[in-house]
């Protein structure tokens, strides 16, 4: 850890601010700094800070890894395991068709969701129907 004399204050966050953005405790951020997951420098006053860019990178990593966690409970009761039969995407949205037993389900999702879930014809998914929405999940 070094003394930071040149970095812009706008580009740096105190550990508590970083914790707020990441949705964790300041102690967790301190551990991540100690473990090398985040790089910190000290201000002239001795306070540890991290870059906003490093916090954004860690937020993106945590968002990607959150998809790896199994679903253990959910309020929706209408769950239909099935197979993706069609994916039609443009730059923003996508239409995903799923054959779930005798049912054909169609969901409008973002292109980003299609990419993150790896939705392609033949992929096993679970459609979750709540009210008028159809959500697509990939089982672990």
N, C-alpha and C. Protein backbone atom coordinates (compact mmCIF):
# COMPACT_ATOMS: atom_id res chain seq x y z
N UNK A 1 0.85 -1.16 0.00
CA UNK A 1 0.00 0.00 0.00
C UNK A 1 0.90 1.23 0.00
N UNK A 2 0.57 2.19 -0.84
CA UNK A 2 1.41 3.38 -0.97
C UNK A 2 0.65 4.62 -0.56
N UNK A 3 1.40 5.70 -0.40
CA UNK A 3 0.78 7.00 -0.15
C UNK A 3 0.33 7.56 -1.49
N UNK A 4 -0.90 8.00 -1.57
CA UNK A 4 -1.46 8.49 -2.82
C UNK A 4 -1.44 10.01 -2.82
N UNK A 5 -0.58 10.58 -3.64
CA UNK A 5 -0.50 12.03 -3.69
C UNK A 5 -1.00 12.60 -5.00
N UNK A 6 -1.18 11.78 -6.04
CA UNK A 6 -1.53 12.29 -7.36
C UNK A 6 -2.95 11.97 -7.81
N UNK A 7 -3.56 10.93 -7.31
CA UNK A 7 -4.88 10.52 -7.80
C UNK A 7 -5.93 11.55 -7.42
N UNK A 8 -6.84 11.78 -8.32
CA UNK A 8 -7.93 12.72 -8.07
C UNK A 8 -8.82 12.20 -6.97
N UNK A 9 -9.24 13.08 -6.08
CA UNK A 9 -10.14 12.67 -5.00
C UNK A 9 -11.45 12.15 -5.55
N UNK A 10 -11.86 12.63 -6.73
CA UNK A 10 -13.13 12.18 -7.32
C UNK A 10 -13.04 10.73 -7.78
N UNK A 11 -11.82 10.26 -8.07
CA UNK A 11 -11.62 8.90 -8.56
C UNK A 11 -11.42 7.90 -7.44
N UNK A 12 -11.36 8.37 -6.19
CA UNK A 12 -11.06 7.49 -5.08
C UNK A 12 -12.21 7.47 -4.09
N UNK A 13 -12.38 6.33 -3.44
CA UNK A 13 -13.44 6.16 -2.45
C UNK A 13 -12.83 5.68 -1.14
N UNK A 14 -13.36 6.20 -0.03
CA UNK A 14 -12.98 5.64 1.27
C UNK A 14 -13.57 4.23 1.35
N UNK A 15 -13.03 3.39 2.20
CA UNK A 15 -13.48 2.00 2.28
C UNK A 15 -14.96 1.90 2.63
N UNK A 16 -15.47 2.78 3.47
CA UNK A 16 -16.89 2.78 3.82
C UNK A 16 -17.77 3.11 2.63
N UNK A 17 -17.31 4.06 1.79
CA UNK A 17 -18.06 4.40 0.58
C UNK A 17 -18.06 3.23 -0.39
N UNK A 18 -16.92 2.58 -0.53
CA UNK A 18 -16.84 1.40 -1.40
C UNK A 18 -17.77 0.30 -0.89
N UNK A 19 -17.82 0.11 0.42
CA UNK A 19 -18.69 -0.91 1.02
C UNK A 19 -20.16 -0.61 0.70
N UNK A 20 -20.55 0.65 0.79
CA UNK A 20 -21.93 1.03 0.47
C UNK A 20 -22.27 0.68 -0.98
N UNK A 21 -21.36 0.99 -1.89
CA UNK A 21 -21.62 0.71 -3.31
C UNK A 21 -21.67 -0.78 -3.59
N UNK A 22 -20.86 -1.54 -2.88
CA UNK A 22 -20.79 -2.99 -3.11
C UNK A 22 -21.85 -3.77 -2.33
N UNK A 23 -22.50 -3.09 -1.37
CA UNK A 23 -23.52 -3.77 -0.58
C UNK A 23 -22.95 -4.74 0.44
N UNK A 24 -21.75 -4.43 0.95
CA UNK A 24 -21.10 -5.28 1.95
C UNK A 24 -20.66 -4.39 3.11
N UNK A 25 -20.11 -4.99 4.14
CA UNK A 25 -19.64 -4.22 5.29
C UNK A 25 -18.25 -3.64 5.00
N UNK A 26 -17.90 -2.54 5.71
CA UNK A 26 -16.54 -2.01 5.56
C UNK A 26 -15.47 -3.05 5.92
N UNK A 27 -15.77 -3.92 6.88
CA UNK A 27 -14.81 -4.96 7.25
C UNK A 27 -14.55 -5.92 6.08
N UNK A 28 -15.59 -6.23 5.31
CA UNK A 28 -15.41 -7.08 4.13
C UNK A 28 -14.49 -6.40 3.13
N UNK A 29 -14.68 -5.10 2.90
CA UNK A 29 -13.81 -4.37 1.98
C UNK A 29 -12.38 -4.38 2.50
N UNK A 30 -12.19 -4.21 3.80
CA UNK A 30 -10.83 -4.26 4.37
C UNK A 30 -10.19 -5.63 4.09
N UNK A 31 -10.96 -6.71 4.28
CA UNK A 31 -10.44 -8.05 4.00
C UNK A 31 -10.06 -8.18 2.53
N UNK A 32 -10.91 -7.65 1.64
CA UNK A 32 -10.62 -7.73 0.20
C UNK A 32 -9.35 -6.96 -0.15
N UNK A 33 -9.11 -5.85 0.53
CA UNK A 33 -7.87 -5.10 0.32
C UNK A 33 -6.70 -5.94 0.82
N UNK A 34 -6.83 -6.51 2.01
CA UNK A 34 -5.76 -7.32 2.59
C UNK A 34 -5.48 -8.56 1.75
N UNK A 35 -6.53 -9.12 1.11
CA UNK A 35 -6.38 -10.32 0.27
C UNK A 35 -5.93 -9.98 -1.15
N UNK A 36 -5.90 -8.69 -1.50
CA UNK A 36 -5.47 -8.30 -2.84
C UNK A 36 -6.57 -8.22 -3.88
N UNK A 37 -7.82 -8.43 -3.48
CA UNK A 37 -8.93 -8.32 -4.44
C UNK A 37 -9.17 -6.87 -4.85
N UNK A 38 -8.84 -5.94 -3.96
CA UNK A 38 -8.91 -4.50 -4.22
C UNK A 38 -7.56 -3.89 -3.87
N UNK A 39 -7.12 -2.95 -4.66
CA UNK A 39 -5.86 -2.26 -4.38
C UNK A 39 -6.17 -0.95 -3.68
N UNK A 40 -5.50 -0.71 -2.56
CA UNK A 40 -5.76 0.50 -1.78
C UNK A 40 -4.48 1.32 -1.65
N UNK A 41 -4.67 2.60 -1.49
CA UNK A 41 -3.57 3.51 -1.18
C UNK A 41 -3.99 4.34 0.02
N UNK A 42 -3.02 4.96 0.67
CA UNK A 42 -3.33 5.80 1.83
C UNK A 42 -3.25 7.27 1.44
N UNK A 43 -4.18 8.04 2.00
CA UNK A 43 -4.13 9.48 1.82
C UNK A 43 -3.03 10.03 2.72
N UNK A 44 -2.74 11.31 2.57
CA UNK A 44 -1.73 11.93 3.45
C UNK A 44 -2.16 11.83 4.91
N UNK A 45 -3.46 11.77 5.15
CA UNK A 45 -3.98 11.64 6.51
C UNK A 45 -3.98 10.21 7.02
N UNK A 46 -3.57 9.24 6.17
CA UNK A 46 -3.47 7.85 6.59
C UNK A 46 -4.71 7.01 6.31
N UNK A 47 -5.71 7.60 5.67
CA UNK A 47 -6.94 6.85 5.39
C UNK A 47 -6.78 6.04 4.12
N UNK A 48 -7.24 4.79 4.15
CA UNK A 48 -7.15 3.94 2.96
C UNK A 48 -8.27 4.29 1.99
N UNK A 49 -7.92 4.33 0.70
CA UNK A 49 -8.90 4.58 -0.35
C UNK A 49 -8.68 3.59 -1.49
N UNK A 50 -9.73 3.38 -2.27
CA UNK A 50 -9.68 2.52 -3.46
C UNK A 50 -10.22 3.32 -4.63
N UNK A 51 -9.88 2.90 -5.84
CA UNK A 51 -10.37 3.63 -7.00
C UNK A 51 -11.81 3.23 -7.29
N UNK A 52 -12.56 4.18 -7.83
CA UNK A 52 -13.93 3.91 -8.23
C UNK A 52 -13.95 2.85 -9.34
N UNK A 53 -12.94 2.86 -10.20
CA UNK A 53 -12.85 1.88 -11.28
C UNK A 53 -12.69 0.47 -10.72
N UNK A 54 -11.87 0.30 -9.68
CA UNK A 54 -11.70 -1.02 -9.06
C UNK A 54 -13.00 -1.49 -8.42
N UNK A 55 -13.72 -0.57 -7.80
CA UNK A 55 -15.01 -0.93 -7.18
C UNK A 55 -16.00 -1.35 -8.27
N UNK A 56 -16.03 -0.63 -9.39
CA UNK A 56 -16.93 -0.99 -10.50
C UNK A 56 -16.56 -2.36 -11.06
N UNK A 57 -15.25 -2.65 -11.18
CA UNK A 57 -14.81 -3.96 -11.67
C UNK A 57 -15.27 -5.07 -10.73
N UNK A 58 -15.11 -4.85 -9.43
CA UNK A 58 -15.52 -5.86 -8.45
C UNK A 58 -17.04 -6.04 -8.45
N UNK A 59 -17.78 -4.94 -8.63
CA UNK A 59 -19.25 -5.04 -8.72
C UNK A 59 -19.64 -5.91 -9.90
N UNK A 60 -18.99 -5.72 -11.04
CA UNK A 60 -19.29 -6.53 -12.24
C UNK A 60 -18.95 -7.99 -12.00
N UNK A 61 -17.81 -8.27 -11.36
CA UNK A 61 -17.43 -9.65 -11.04
C UNK A 61 -18.47 -10.31 -10.13
N UNK A 62 -18.91 -9.56 -9.12
CA UNK A 62 -19.89 -10.11 -8.18
C UNK A 62 -21.23 -10.37 -8.87
N UNK A 63 -21.61 -9.47 -9.79
CA UNK A 63 -22.87 -9.66 -10.52
C UNK A 63 -22.80 -10.92 -11.39
N UNK A 64 -21.65 -11.13 -12.06
CA UNK A 64 -21.50 -12.32 -12.89
C UNK A 64 -21.50 -13.58 -12.05
N UNK A 65 -20.82 -13.56 -10.90
CA UNK A 65 -20.74 -14.76 -10.06
C UNK A 65 -22.06 -15.03 -9.35
N UNK A 66 -22.90 -14.02 -9.17
CA UNK A 66 -24.19 -14.23 -8.51
C UNK A 66 -25.05 -15.18 -9.31
N UNK A 67 -24.87 -15.21 -10.62
CA UNK A 67 -25.65 -16.12 -11.46
C UNK A 67 -25.27 -17.58 -11.20
N UNK A 68 -24.09 -17.82 -10.61
CA UNK A 68 -23.64 -19.18 -10.33
C UNK A 68 -24.28 -19.76 -9.07
N UNK A 69 -24.96 -18.92 -8.29
CA UNK A 69 -25.54 -19.39 -7.04
C UNK A 69 -26.87 -20.09 -7.33
N UNK A 70 -27.10 -21.25 -6.72
CA UNK A 70 -28.36 -21.95 -6.95
C UNK A 70 -29.54 -21.22 -6.31
N UNK A 71 -30.70 -21.34 -6.91
CA UNK A 71 -31.92 -20.75 -6.36
C UNK A 71 -32.44 -21.73 -5.31
N UNK A 72 -32.61 -21.26 -4.08
CA UNK A 72 -33.05 -22.15 -3.00
C UNK A 72 -34.50 -21.90 -2.62
N UNK A 73 -35.03 -20.73 -2.94
CA UNK A 73 -36.42 -20.43 -2.63
C UNK A 73 -36.89 -19.29 -3.52
N UNK A 74 -38.19 -19.28 -3.79
CA UNK A 74 -38.75 -18.23 -4.61
C UNK A 74 -40.24 -18.18 -4.37
N UNK A 75 -40.81 -16.99 -4.51
CA UNK A 75 -42.24 -16.84 -4.26
C UNK A 75 -43.09 -17.37 -5.41
N UNK A 76 -42.56 -17.36 -6.63
CA UNK A 76 -43.34 -17.83 -7.78
C UNK A 76 -43.54 -19.35 -7.70
N UNK A 77 -44.75 -19.78 -7.96
CA UNK A 77 -45.06 -21.22 -7.89
C UNK A 77 -45.21 -21.85 -9.26
N UNK A 78 -45.39 -21.04 -10.29
CA UNK A 78 -45.59 -21.57 -11.64
C UNK A 78 -44.25 -21.65 -12.36
N UNK A 79 -43.61 -22.80 -12.23
CA UNK A 79 -42.28 -23.01 -12.80
C UNK A 79 -42.38 -24.13 -13.83
N UNK A 80 -41.90 -23.85 -15.03
CA UNK A 80 -42.00 -24.80 -16.13
C UNK A 80 -40.63 -25.12 -16.70
N UNK A 81 -40.05 -26.28 -16.35
CA UNK A 81 -38.78 -26.67 -16.96
C UNK A 81 -39.01 -26.97 -18.44
N UNK A 82 -38.07 -26.55 -19.27
CA UNK A 82 -38.23 -26.79 -20.70
C UNK A 82 -36.93 -26.60 -21.45
N UNK A 83 -37.07 -26.56 -22.77
CA UNK A 83 -35.94 -26.43 -23.68
C UNK A 83 -36.16 -25.21 -24.56
N UNK A 84 -35.12 -24.38 -24.71
CA UNK A 84 -35.21 -23.23 -25.60
C UNK A 84 -35.32 -23.75 -27.03
N UNK A 85 -36.33 -23.27 -27.76
CA UNK A 85 -36.51 -23.69 -29.15
C UNK A 85 -36.15 -22.59 -30.13
N UNK A 86 -36.18 -21.32 -29.68
CA UNK A 86 -35.87 -20.22 -30.58
C UNK A 86 -35.44 -18.99 -29.78
N UNK A 87 -34.45 -18.28 -30.32
CA UNK A 87 -34.01 -17.01 -29.74
C UNK A 87 -33.86 -16.03 -30.90
N UNK A 88 -34.65 -14.95 -30.86
CA UNK A 88 -34.56 -13.91 -31.88
C UNK A 88 -34.15 -12.61 -31.18
N UNK A 89 -32.94 -12.12 -31.49
CA UNK A 89 -32.40 -10.96 -30.80
C UNK A 89 -32.16 -9.81 -31.75
N UNK A 90 -32.26 -8.59 -31.20
CA UNK A 90 -31.76 -7.40 -31.89
C UNK A 90 -30.74 -6.77 -30.97
N UNK A 91 -30.48 -5.49 -31.08
CA UNK A 91 -29.44 -4.88 -30.27
C UNK A 91 -29.85 -4.65 -28.82
N UNK A 92 -31.17 -4.62 -28.53
CA UNK A 92 -31.64 -4.32 -27.18
C UNK A 92 -32.44 -5.45 -26.56
N UNK A 93 -33.34 -6.04 -27.32
CA UNK A 93 -34.28 -7.03 -26.77
C UNK A 93 -34.18 -8.35 -27.52
N UNK A 94 -34.81 -9.37 -26.93
CA UNK A 94 -34.84 -10.69 -27.56
C UNK A 94 -36.14 -11.38 -27.22
N UNK A 95 -36.60 -12.22 -28.13
CA UNK A 95 -37.77 -13.07 -27.91
C UNK A 95 -37.26 -14.49 -27.77
N UNK A 96 -37.56 -15.11 -26.63
CA UNK A 96 -37.10 -16.47 -26.35
C UNK A 96 -38.32 -17.37 -26.29
N UNK A 97 -38.31 -18.42 -27.10
CA UNK A 97 -39.40 -19.41 -27.09
C UNK A 97 -38.89 -20.67 -26.40
N UNK A 98 -39.74 -21.24 -25.54
CA UNK A 98 -39.39 -22.43 -24.77
C UNK A 98 -40.52 -23.44 -24.90
N UNK A 99 -40.16 -24.69 -25.14
CA UNK A 99 -41.13 -25.78 -25.12
C UNK A 99 -41.01 -26.46 -23.77
N UNK A 100 -42.07 -26.34 -22.96
CA UNK A 100 -42.10 -26.91 -21.62
C UNK A 100 -43.23 -27.94 -21.57
N UNK A 101 -42.88 -29.19 -21.81
CA UNK A 101 -43.92 -30.21 -21.92
C UNK A 101 -44.82 -29.86 -23.09
N UNK A 102 -46.14 -29.86 -22.87
CA UNK A 102 -47.05 -29.52 -23.96
C UNK A 102 -47.19 -28.01 -24.17
N UNK A 103 -46.51 -27.22 -23.35
CA UNK A 103 -46.69 -25.77 -23.38
C UNK A 103 -45.57 -25.07 -24.15
N UNK A 104 -45.94 -24.12 -24.99
CA UNK A 104 -44.97 -23.23 -25.65
C UNK A 104 -45.03 -21.90 -24.92
N UNK A 105 -43.92 -21.51 -24.31
CA UNK A 105 -43.86 -20.25 -23.59
C UNK A 105 -42.95 -19.29 -24.34
N UNK A 106 -43.34 -18.02 -24.38
CA UNK A 106 -42.57 -16.99 -25.07
C UNK A 106 -42.27 -15.88 -24.07
N UNK A 107 -41.01 -15.48 -24.01
CA UNK A 107 -40.59 -14.44 -23.08
C UNK A 107 -39.83 -13.35 -23.83
N UNK A 108 -40.13 -12.10 -23.50
CA UNK A 108 -39.39 -10.97 -24.02
C UNK A 108 -38.38 -10.57 -22.95
N UNK A 109 -37.09 -10.68 -23.28
CA UNK A 109 -36.02 -10.37 -22.34
C UNK A 109 -35.03 -9.43 -23.01
N UNK A 110 -34.08 -8.92 -22.25
CA UNK A 110 -33.06 -8.07 -22.85
C UNK A 110 -32.03 -8.93 -23.58
N UNK A 111 -31.35 -8.32 -24.52
CA UNK A 111 -30.26 -8.99 -25.24
C UNK A 111 -29.16 -9.37 -24.25
N UNK A 112 -28.92 -8.49 -23.28
CA UNK A 112 -27.91 -8.75 -22.26
C UNK A 112 -28.24 -10.03 -21.48
N UNK A 113 -29.53 -10.23 -21.16
CA UNK A 113 -29.93 -11.44 -20.43
C UNK A 113 -29.67 -12.68 -21.27
N UNK A 114 -29.97 -12.60 -22.57
CA UNK A 114 -29.71 -13.73 -23.47
C UNK A 114 -28.23 -14.09 -23.45
N UNK A 115 -27.38 -13.06 -23.54
CA UNK A 115 -25.94 -13.30 -23.55
C UNK A 115 -25.45 -13.86 -22.21
N UNK A 116 -25.89 -13.25 -21.09
CA UNK A 116 -25.43 -13.69 -19.77
C UNK A 116 -25.89 -15.11 -19.44
N UNK A 117 -27.12 -15.47 -19.85
CA UNK A 117 -27.64 -16.81 -19.57
C UNK A 117 -27.20 -17.84 -20.60
N UNK A 118 -26.60 -17.38 -21.68
CA UNK A 118 -26.18 -18.30 -22.74
C UNK A 118 -27.36 -18.99 -23.40
N UNK A 119 -28.44 -18.24 -23.63
CA UNK A 119 -29.65 -18.83 -24.20
C UNK A 119 -29.48 -19.09 -25.69
N UNK A 120 -29.55 -20.35 -26.04
CA UNK A 120 -29.48 -20.79 -27.43
C UNK A 120 -30.45 -21.96 -27.57
N UNK A 121 -30.94 -22.23 -28.77
CA UNK A 121 -31.81 -23.40 -28.95
C UNK A 121 -31.15 -24.66 -28.41
N UNK A 122 -31.93 -25.44 -27.66
CA UNK A 122 -31.44 -26.67 -27.06
C UNK A 122 -31.05 -26.53 -25.60
N UNK A 123 -30.91 -25.30 -25.10
CA UNK A 123 -30.51 -25.07 -23.70
C UNK A 123 -31.67 -25.40 -22.76
N UNK A 124 -31.37 -26.11 -21.68
CA UNK A 124 -32.38 -26.39 -20.66
C UNK A 124 -32.56 -25.15 -19.79
N UNK A 125 -33.82 -24.77 -19.57
CA UNK A 125 -34.13 -23.60 -18.76
C UNK A 125 -35.36 -23.89 -17.92
N UNK A 126 -35.68 -22.98 -17.02
CA UNK A 126 -36.92 -23.03 -16.25
C UNK A 126 -37.62 -21.70 -16.48
N UNK A 127 -38.85 -21.74 -16.99
CA UNK A 127 -39.65 -20.52 -17.14
C UNK A 127 -40.45 -20.33 -15.87
N UNK A 128 -40.40 -19.12 -15.33
CA UNK A 128 -41.11 -18.79 -14.11
C UNK A 128 -42.20 -17.80 -14.48
N UNK A 129 -43.46 -18.18 -14.25
CA UNK A 129 -44.58 -17.33 -14.60
C UNK A 129 -45.13 -16.71 -13.33
N UNK A 130 -45.09 -15.40 -13.28
CA UNK A 130 -45.62 -14.66 -12.14
C UNK A 130 -46.45 -13.54 -12.73
N UNK A 131 -47.71 -13.50 -12.43
CA UNK A 131 -48.62 -12.50 -12.98
C UNK A 131 -48.61 -12.62 -14.49
N UNK A 132 -48.25 -11.56 -15.20
CA UNK A 132 -48.25 -11.63 -16.66
C UNK A 132 -46.84 -11.75 -17.23
N UNK A 133 -45.83 -11.92 -16.37
CA UNK A 133 -44.45 -12.00 -16.83
C UNK A 133 -43.97 -13.44 -16.90
N UNK A 134 -43.13 -13.73 -17.88
CA UNK A 134 -42.46 -15.02 -17.96
C UNK A 134 -40.97 -14.73 -17.85
N UNK A 135 -40.34 -15.26 -16.80
CA UNK A 135 -38.90 -15.11 -16.60
C UNK A 135 -38.23 -16.43 -16.95
N UNK A 136 -36.99 -16.38 -17.41
CA UNK A 136 -36.27 -17.58 -17.78
C UNK A 136 -35.09 -17.75 -16.82
N UNK A 137 -34.97 -18.95 -16.25
CA UNK A 137 -33.86 -19.28 -15.36
C UNK A 137 -33.09 -20.44 -15.94
N UNK A 138 -31.83 -20.52 -15.63
CA UNK A 138 -31.01 -21.65 -16.01
C UNK A 138 -30.69 -22.42 -14.74
N UNK A 139 -31.10 -23.69 -14.63
CA UNK A 139 -30.84 -24.43 -13.40
C UNK A 139 -29.34 -24.69 -13.23
N UNK A 140 -28.92 -24.80 -11.97
CA UNK A 140 -27.49 -25.03 -11.70
C UNK A 140 -27.15 -26.48 -11.86
